[in-house]
Amino acid sequence: MSNFLDIEIQNIDHLGIIAGIIDSIGLVEIINEIIGHEPGEKVSPGQVVKAMILNGLGFVSSPLYMFPEFFKDKPCEHLIGEGVKAEYLNDDKLGRVMDKSDLITQNV
């Protein structure tokens, strides 16, 4: 018999469907290929963009520094990717990815 005290419930609302669609079209991999992914990064640029999309569709209008707060009660590993924690989605990381994408679009 399982111990019910070991069960953890996390609410993903509609974000699971959105994450599944992003995964099915391969958006994370496409962005990583375009922007580049460094081996030591805890979160790839594609995963950051996926988190931005989930945040934007989570009906939350918060400044970038509030990203970890939005994801703290969400199952980040399930929604964004293996090993991803809410604290990895900080404003510094988001800003670096947006800067990289801005440089690429200026050169196109």
N, C-alpha and C. Protein backbone atom coordinates (compact mmCIF):
# COMPACT_ATOMS: atom_id res chain seq x y z
N MET A 1 0.84 -1.17 0.00
CA MET A 1 0.00 0.00 0.00
C MET A 1 0.89 1.24 0.00
N SER A 2 0.56 2.22 -0.85
CA SER A 2 1.37 3.43 -0.95
C SER A 2 1.07 4.39 0.19
N ASN A 3 2.03 5.19 0.49
CA ASN A 3 1.89 6.18 1.55
C ASN A 3 1.43 7.49 0.92
N PHE A 4 0.25 7.96 1.28
CA PHE A 4 -0.31 9.17 0.70
C PHE A 4 0.46 10.43 1.10
N LEU A 5 1.27 10.35 2.13
CA LEU A 5 2.07 11.49 2.53
C LEU A 5 3.21 11.76 1.56
N ASP A 6 3.56 10.79 0.72
CA ASP A 6 4.62 10.95 -0.26
C ASP A 6 4.14 11.57 -1.57
N ILE A 7 2.85 11.77 -1.71
CA ILE A 7 2.29 12.30 -2.94
C ILE A 7 2.37 13.82 -2.93
N GLU A 8 2.88 14.36 -4.03
CA GLU A 8 2.97 15.81 -4.19
C GLU A 8 2.11 16.21 -5.38
N ILE A 9 1.23 17.14 -5.20
CA ILE A 9 0.33 17.59 -6.25
C ILE A 9 0.77 18.98 -6.70
N GLN A 10 0.91 19.14 -8.02
CA GLN A 10 1.25 20.43 -8.57
C GLN A 10 0.26 20.77 -9.67
N ASN A 11 -0.15 22.01 -9.72
CA ASN A 11 -1.14 22.47 -10.67
C ASN A 11 -0.46 22.97 -11.94
N ILE A 12 -0.82 22.41 -13.08
CA ILE A 12 -0.24 22.89 -14.34
C ILE A 12 -1.28 23.59 -15.23
N ASP A 13 -2.56 23.57 -14.82
CA ASP A 13 -3.62 24.22 -15.59
C ASP A 13 -3.51 23.83 -17.06
N HIS A 14 -3.56 24.82 -17.94
CA HIS A 14 -3.49 24.59 -19.38
C HIS A 14 -2.05 24.56 -19.89
N LEU A 15 -1.08 24.83 -19.01
CA LEU A 15 0.31 24.93 -19.43
C LEU A 15 0.87 23.61 -19.95
N GLY A 16 0.34 22.49 -19.49
CA GLY A 16 0.78 21.19 -19.99
C GLY A 16 0.46 21.02 -21.47
N ILE A 17 -0.68 21.50 -21.89
CA ILE A 17 -1.06 21.41 -23.31
C ILE A 17 -0.13 22.28 -24.14
N ILE A 18 0.11 23.49 -23.68
CA ILE A 18 0.99 24.41 -24.40
C ILE A 18 2.41 23.83 -24.49
N ALA A 19 2.92 23.31 -23.38
CA ALA A 19 4.26 22.71 -23.36
C ALA A 19 4.33 21.54 -24.34
N GLY A 20 3.28 20.75 -24.40
CA GLY A 20 3.24 19.63 -25.34
C GLY A 20 3.26 20.07 -26.79
N ILE A 21 2.56 21.14 -27.10
CA ILE A 21 2.56 21.67 -28.47
C ILE A 21 3.95 22.20 -28.83
N ILE A 22 4.57 22.93 -27.90
CA ILE A 22 5.92 23.44 -28.13
C ILE A 22 6.88 22.28 -28.38
N ASP A 23 6.75 21.21 -27.59
CA ASP A 23 7.61 20.03 -27.78
C ASP A 23 7.35 19.35 -29.12
N SER A 24 6.08 19.27 -29.50
CA SER A 24 5.75 18.54 -30.73
C SER A 24 6.26 19.25 -31.98
N ILE A 25 6.37 20.57 -31.95
CA ILE A 25 6.89 21.28 -33.12
C ILE A 25 8.41 21.46 -33.06
N GLY A 26 9.00 21.08 -31.94
CA GLY A 26 10.46 21.13 -31.81
C GLY A 26 11.02 22.54 -31.65
N LEU A 27 10.24 23.43 -31.06
CA LEU A 27 10.64 24.84 -30.94
C LEU A 27 11.92 25.02 -30.12
N VAL A 28 12.06 24.27 -29.03
CA VAL A 28 13.25 24.39 -28.18
C VAL A 28 14.50 24.05 -28.99
N GLU A 29 14.46 22.98 -29.74
CA GLU A 29 15.61 22.56 -30.54
C GLU A 29 15.92 23.56 -31.64
N ILE A 30 14.89 24.11 -32.28
CA ILE A 30 15.09 25.10 -33.34
C ILE A 30 15.79 26.33 -32.78
N ILE A 31 15.32 26.82 -31.66
CA ILE A 31 15.93 28.01 -31.04
C ILE A 31 17.36 27.72 -30.60
N ASN A 32 17.58 26.56 -30.00
CA ASN A 32 18.94 26.19 -29.59
C ASN A 32 19.89 26.14 -30.79
N GLU A 33 19.39 25.68 -31.92
CA GLU A 33 20.22 25.59 -33.12
C GLU A 33 20.55 26.98 -33.65
N ILE A 34 19.59 27.88 -33.62
CA ILE A 34 19.79 29.23 -34.14
C ILE A 34 20.67 30.06 -33.20
N ILE A 35 20.34 30.07 -31.92
CA ILE A 35 21.05 30.91 -30.96
C ILE A 35 22.32 30.25 -30.47
N GLY A 36 22.29 28.95 -30.33
CA GLY A 36 23.44 28.22 -29.81
C GLY A 36 23.22 27.85 -28.35
N HIS A 37 23.74 26.70 -27.98
CA HIS A 37 23.56 26.19 -26.62
C HIS A 37 24.92 25.78 -26.09
N GLU A 38 25.33 26.40 -24.99
CA GLU A 38 26.63 26.07 -24.40
C GLU A 38 26.47 24.89 -23.45
N PRO A 39 27.40 23.94 -23.47
CA PRO A 39 27.28 22.71 -22.67
C PRO A 39 27.08 22.93 -21.17
N GLY A 40 27.66 23.96 -20.59
CA GLY A 40 27.57 24.17 -19.14
C GLY A 40 26.29 24.87 -18.68
N GLU A 41 25.46 25.27 -19.59
CA GLU A 41 24.25 26.01 -19.22
C GLU A 41 23.25 25.09 -18.51
N LYS A 42 22.64 25.62 -17.46
CA LYS A 42 21.60 24.86 -16.75
C LYS A 42 20.30 24.87 -17.52
N VAL A 43 20.06 25.95 -18.25
CA VAL A 43 18.84 26.10 -19.04
C VAL A 43 19.25 26.60 -20.42
N SER A 44 18.78 25.94 -21.45
CA SER A 44 19.13 26.34 -22.81
C SER A 44 18.29 27.54 -23.25
N PRO A 45 18.75 28.27 -24.28
CA PRO A 45 17.94 29.38 -24.79
C PRO A 45 16.54 28.95 -25.23
N GLY A 46 16.43 27.78 -25.83
CA GLY A 46 15.12 27.28 -26.24
C GLY A 46 14.20 27.04 -25.05
N GLN A 47 14.76 26.53 -23.97
CA GLN A 47 13.96 26.32 -22.76
C GLN A 47 13.54 27.65 -22.15
N VAL A 48 14.39 28.66 -22.25
CA VAL A 48 14.04 29.99 -21.73
C VAL A 48 12.87 30.56 -22.53
N VAL A 49 12.93 30.43 -23.84
CA VAL A 49 11.83 30.93 -24.68
C VAL A 49 10.55 30.15 -24.37
N LYS A 50 10.67 28.85 -24.17
CA LYS A 50 9.50 28.04 -23.80
C LYS A 50 8.91 28.54 -22.49
N ALA A 51 9.76 28.85 -21.52
CA ALA A 51 9.29 29.38 -20.24
C ALA A 51 8.60 30.73 -20.43
N MET A 52 9.14 31.56 -21.32
CA MET A 52 8.51 32.87 -21.59
C MET A 52 7.13 32.69 -22.19
N ILE A 53 7.00 31.74 -23.10
CA ILE A 53 5.70 31.48 -23.71
C ILE A 53 4.72 30.98 -22.65
N LEU A 54 5.15 30.04 -21.82
CA LEU A 54 4.28 29.52 -20.77
C LEU A 54 3.88 30.63 -19.80
N ASN A 55 4.82 31.49 -19.46
CA ASN A 55 4.51 32.60 -18.56
C ASN A 55 3.51 33.55 -19.21
N GLY A 56 3.73 33.85 -20.48
CA GLY A 56 2.84 34.77 -21.19
C GLY A 56 1.43 34.22 -21.33
N LEU A 57 1.32 32.90 -21.50
CA LEU A 57 0.00 32.28 -21.63
C LEU A 57 -0.57 31.85 -20.28
N GLY A 58 0.19 32.14 -19.22
CA GLY A 58 -0.29 31.85 -17.87
C GLY A 58 -1.09 33.01 -17.31
N PHE A 59 -1.42 33.96 -18.18
CA PHE A 59 -2.22 35.12 -17.80
C PHE A 59 -1.57 35.91 -16.67
N VAL A 60 -0.25 36.02 -16.73
CA VAL A 60 0.49 36.75 -15.72
C VAL A 60 1.27 37.85 -16.41
N SER A 61 1.11 39.04 -15.93
CA SER A 61 1.86 40.17 -16.46
C SER A 61 2.79 40.65 -15.37
N SER A 62 3.96 40.06 -15.32
CA SER A 62 4.93 40.38 -14.27
C SER A 62 6.25 40.78 -14.88
N PRO A 63 7.04 41.57 -14.17
CA PRO A 63 8.38 41.89 -14.65
C PRO A 63 9.26 40.66 -14.67
N LEU A 64 10.37 40.75 -15.42
CA LEU A 64 11.25 39.59 -15.59
C LEU A 64 11.77 39.03 -14.27
N TYR A 65 12.03 39.89 -13.31
CA TYR A 65 12.59 39.37 -12.06
C TYR A 65 11.61 38.51 -11.28
N MET A 66 10.35 38.49 -11.69
CA MET A 66 9.33 37.67 -11.02
C MET A 66 9.17 36.29 -11.65
N PHE A 67 9.93 35.98 -12.70
CA PHE A 67 9.81 34.68 -13.36
C PHE A 67 9.96 33.50 -12.40
N PRO A 68 11.00 33.47 -11.57
CA PRO A 68 11.13 32.33 -10.66
C PRO A 68 9.91 32.18 -9.75
N GLU A 69 9.30 33.29 -9.38
CA GLU A 69 8.12 33.26 -8.51
C GLU A 69 6.94 32.60 -9.23
N PHE A 70 6.77 32.90 -10.52
CA PHE A 70 5.68 32.31 -11.30
C PHE A 70 5.84 30.79 -11.38
N PHE A 71 7.08 30.33 -11.57
CA PHE A 71 7.33 28.91 -11.77
C PHE A 71 7.58 28.12 -10.49
N LYS A 72 7.63 28.78 -9.33
CA LYS A 72 8.00 28.06 -8.11
C LYS A 72 7.01 26.98 -7.72
N ASP A 73 5.74 27.12 -8.06
CA ASP A 73 4.76 26.08 -7.73
C ASP A 73 4.36 25.25 -8.95
N LYS A 74 5.13 25.37 -10.03
CA LYS A 74 4.87 24.60 -11.24
C LYS A 74 5.92 23.48 -11.37
N PRO A 75 5.55 22.38 -11.97
CA PRO A 75 6.53 21.30 -12.19
C PRO A 75 7.44 21.62 -13.38
N CYS A 76 8.47 22.41 -13.13
CA CYS A 76 9.35 22.91 -14.20
C CYS A 76 9.97 21.79 -15.03
N GLU A 77 10.39 20.72 -14.38
CA GLU A 77 11.01 19.61 -15.12
C GLU A 77 10.02 19.00 -16.10
N HIS A 78 8.78 18.92 -15.71
CA HIS A 78 7.76 18.33 -16.57
C HIS A 78 7.39 19.29 -17.70
N LEU A 79 7.25 20.57 -17.39
CA LEU A 79 6.81 21.54 -18.38
C LEU A 79 7.93 22.01 -19.31
N ILE A 80 9.12 22.27 -18.77
CA ILE A 80 10.18 22.91 -19.54
C ILE A 80 11.27 21.94 -19.97
N GLY A 81 11.70 21.09 -19.06
CA GLY A 81 12.73 20.12 -19.42
C GLY A 81 13.41 19.55 -18.20
N GLU A 82 14.05 18.43 -18.40
CA GLU A 82 14.71 17.70 -17.31
C GLU A 82 15.79 18.57 -16.66
N GLY A 83 15.76 18.60 -15.34
CA GLY A 83 16.76 19.33 -14.58
C GLY A 83 16.49 20.81 -14.41
N VAL A 84 15.42 21.32 -15.00
CA VAL A 84 15.12 22.76 -14.93
C VAL A 84 14.41 23.06 -13.61
N LYS A 85 14.95 24.05 -12.90
CA LYS A 85 14.35 24.52 -11.65
C LYS A 85 13.92 25.97 -11.82
N ALA A 86 12.93 26.37 -11.04
CA ALA A 86 12.40 27.73 -11.14
C ALA A 86 13.48 28.79 -10.99
N GLU A 87 14.42 28.56 -10.08
CA GLU A 87 15.45 29.58 -9.84
C GLU A 87 16.41 29.74 -11.02
N TYR A 88 16.45 28.79 -11.94
CA TYR A 88 17.29 28.93 -13.13
C TYR A 88 16.69 29.93 -14.12
N LEU A 89 15.41 30.20 -13.99
CA LEU A 89 14.71 31.10 -14.90
C LEU A 89 14.71 32.52 -14.32
N ASN A 90 15.89 33.04 -14.11
CA ASN A 90 15.99 34.38 -13.50
C ASN A 90 16.13 35.45 -14.58
N ASP A 91 16.01 36.70 -14.18
CA ASP A 91 16.03 37.80 -15.12
C ASP A 91 17.36 37.92 -15.86
N ASP A 92 18.46 37.52 -15.23
CA ASP A 92 19.76 37.56 -15.91
C ASP A 92 19.77 36.61 -17.11
N LYS A 93 19.32 35.39 -16.90
CA LYS A 93 19.30 34.38 -17.97
C LYS A 93 18.34 34.81 -19.08
N LEU A 94 17.16 35.29 -18.72
CA LEU A 94 16.19 35.73 -19.71
C LEU A 94 16.75 36.88 -20.54
N GLY A 95 17.40 37.82 -19.87
CA GLY A 95 18.00 38.96 -20.56
C GLY A 95 19.09 38.55 -21.52
N ARG A 96 19.95 37.60 -21.12
CA ARG A 96 21.03 37.13 -21.99
C ARG A 96 20.46 36.47 -23.25
N VAL A 97 19.41 35.68 -23.09
CA VAL A 97 18.80 35.02 -24.26
C VAL A 97 18.16 36.06 -25.17
N MET A 98 17.48 37.04 -24.60
CA MET A 98 16.87 38.08 -25.44
C MET A 98 17.94 38.90 -26.15
N ASP A 99 19.06 39.18 -25.49
CA ASP A 99 20.16 39.90 -26.14
C ASP A 99 20.73 39.10 -27.30
N LYS A 100 20.93 37.79 -27.10
CA LYS A 100 21.46 36.94 -28.17
C LYS A 100 20.50 36.91 -29.36
N SER A 101 19.21 36.79 -29.08
CA SER A 101 18.24 36.73 -30.17
C SER A 101 18.16 38.07 -30.90
N ASP A 102 18.34 39.17 -30.19
CA ASP A 102 18.32 40.48 -30.79
C ASP A 102 19.51 40.65 -31.73
N LEU A 103 20.67 40.17 -31.33
CA LEU A 103 21.86 40.24 -32.19
C LEU A 103 21.65 39.45 -33.48
N ILE A 104 21.02 38.30 -33.36
CA ILE A 104 20.78 37.46 -34.54
C ILE A 104 19.81 38.12 -35.49
N THR A 105 18.73 38.70 -34.97
CA THR A 105 17.75 39.32 -35.84
C THR A 105 18.31 40.57 -36.51
N GLN A 106 19.25 41.24 -35.88
CA GLN A 106 19.87 42.42 -36.51
C GLN A 106 20.77 42.02 -37.66
N ASN A 107 21.33 40.82 -37.61
CA ASN A 107 22.23 40.35 -38.67
C ASN A 107 21.52 39.64 -39.80
N VAL A 108 20.22 39.47 -39.71
CA VAL A 108 19.47 38.76 -40.75
C VAL A 108 19.04 39.70 -41.82
